[in-house]
Protein backbone atom coordinates (compact mmCIF):
# COMPACT_ATOMS: atom_id res chain seq x y z
CA MET A 1 -13.42 27.39 -34.73
CA PRO A 2 -15.52 24.93 -32.73
CA ASN A 3 -14.01 23.45 -29.58
CA PHE A 4 -12.66 20.03 -30.53
CA LYS A 5 -10.45 19.73 -27.44
CA LEU A 6 -13.02 17.86 -25.36
CA GLY A 7 -12.53 14.62 -27.28
CA GLY A 8 -14.89 11.69 -27.55
CA ARG A 9 -17.49 10.68 -30.05
CA GLU A 10 -19.29 14.05 -30.28
CA ALA A 11 -16.08 15.95 -30.96
CA ARG A 12 -15.10 13.36 -33.56
CA GLU A 13 -18.48 13.72 -35.28
CA ARG A 14 -18.17 17.54 -35.34
CA LEU A 15 -14.67 17.23 -36.76
CA ALA A 16 -15.82 14.74 -39.41
CA LYS A 17 -18.67 17.03 -40.40
CA ARG A 18 -16.37 20.04 -40.76
CA TYR A 19 -13.51 18.13 -42.44
CA PRO A 20 -14.98 15.04 -44.14
CA ILE A 21 -12.75 12.34 -45.57
CA GLY A 22 -11.33 13.63 -48.86
CA THR A 23 -11.05 17.27 -47.71
CA ARG A 24 -7.88 18.91 -49.02
CA ILE A 25 -5.92 20.75 -46.30
CA GLU A 26 -3.06 23.25 -46.38
CA LEU A 27 -0.73 23.35 -43.39
CA ASN A 28 0.08 26.71 -41.77
CA SER A 29 2.04 25.40 -38.78
CA LEU A 30 2.26 22.51 -36.35
CA CYS A 31 2.25 22.84 -32.55
CA ASN A 32 5.59 20.96 -32.50
CA TYR A 33 8.47 21.13 -34.96
CA GLU A 34 8.38 18.26 -37.44
CA PRO A 35 11.08 18.05 -40.12
CA GLY A 36 9.68 17.70 -43.60
CA MET A 37 6.39 19.43 -42.74
CA PRO A 38 6.75 22.94 -44.22
CA THR A 39 4.19 25.71 -44.24
CA GLY A 40 2.05 25.38 -47.36
CA LEU A 41 2.26 21.58 -47.48
CA ARG A 42 -0.99 20.07 -48.68
CA GLY A 43 -2.66 16.81 -47.88
CA THR A 44 -5.95 14.92 -47.78
CA VAL A 45 -8.04 13.95 -44.77
CA CYS A 46 -8.22 10.14 -44.69
CA GLY A 47 -9.92 9.66 -41.31
CA HIS A 48 -10.68 10.93 -37.80
CA ASP A 49 -9.98 9.64 -34.32
CA ASP A 50 -11.30 10.26 -30.81
CA GLN A 51 -8.58 12.73 -29.70
CA PRO A 52 -10.06 14.21 -31.96
CA SER A 53 -7.53 14.59 -34.72
CA LEU A 54 -7.49 14.54 -38.50
CA LEU A 55 -5.72 11.52 -39.93
CA MET A 56 -3.83 12.83 -42.94
CA ALA A 57 -2.22 11.59 -46.14
CA TRP A 58 0.24 14.38 -46.96
CA ASP A 59 1.46 15.09 -50.49
CA ASN A 60 5.02 14.38 -49.31
CA ASN A 61 3.95 10.81 -48.39
CA ARG A 62 3.90 11.50 -44.63
CA SER A 63 0.93 10.52 -42.47
CA LEU A 64 1.22 12.91 -39.52
CA SER A 65 -2.16 13.73 -37.92
CA LEU A 66 -3.42 17.26 -37.29
CA LEU A 67 -4.77 18.40 -33.94
CA PRO A 68 -7.46 21.09 -34.35
CA GLY A 69 -6.94 23.85 -31.80
CA GLU A 70 -3.24 22.97 -31.56
CA ASP A 71 -2.06 22.94 -35.19
CA SER A 72 -2.85 25.69 -37.69
CA PHE A 73 -4.32 24.66 -41.05
CA ARG A 74 -7.11 25.44 -43.46
CA ALA A 75 -9.30 23.60 -45.93
CA LEU A 76 -8.63 24.43 -49.57
CA THR A 77 -11.30 26.35 -51.44
CA PRO A 78 -13.10 24.72 -54.38
CA GLU A 79 -11.13 27.04 -56.68
CA GLU A 80 -7.80 25.85 -55.25
CA ILE A 81 -8.87 22.23 -55.67
CA MET A 82 -9.76 22.90 -59.31
CA GLU A 83 -6.32 24.50 -59.83
CA GLU A 84 -4.64 21.43 -58.34
CA GLN A 85 -6.61 19.15 -60.64
CA GLN A 86 -5.75 21.25 -63.70
CA GLU A 87 -2.05 21.17 -62.78
CA GLN A 88 -2.18 17.39 -62.38
CA ASP A 89 -3.96 17.02 -65.72
CA GLU A 90 -1.38 19.24 -67.44
CA GLY A 91 1.45 17.26 -65.87
CA MET A 92 -0.04 14.00 -67.14
CA THR A 93 -0.33 15.28 -70.71
CA MET A 94 3.29 16.51 -70.72
CA THR A 95 4.76 13.13 -69.82
């Protein structure tokens, strides 16, 4: 993983290139305990800041940011994103 710890504009740009807005993320673990943020929780990148960190919109309606190099997470694969979309579509047709 690239070194994002230096901060500033360049680190933010590298982070934005690797995890653009709209990227779906799955949480492995946070550097600090946060109630309501379980392993496997998914969310969407909604921005970046100069720390640099990923500004997140989590599927549980939380907005806790991720710190690359501190927190453990991964981007979903295109296949996983398609599965999510199919599940959402199926859920909409059942209601």
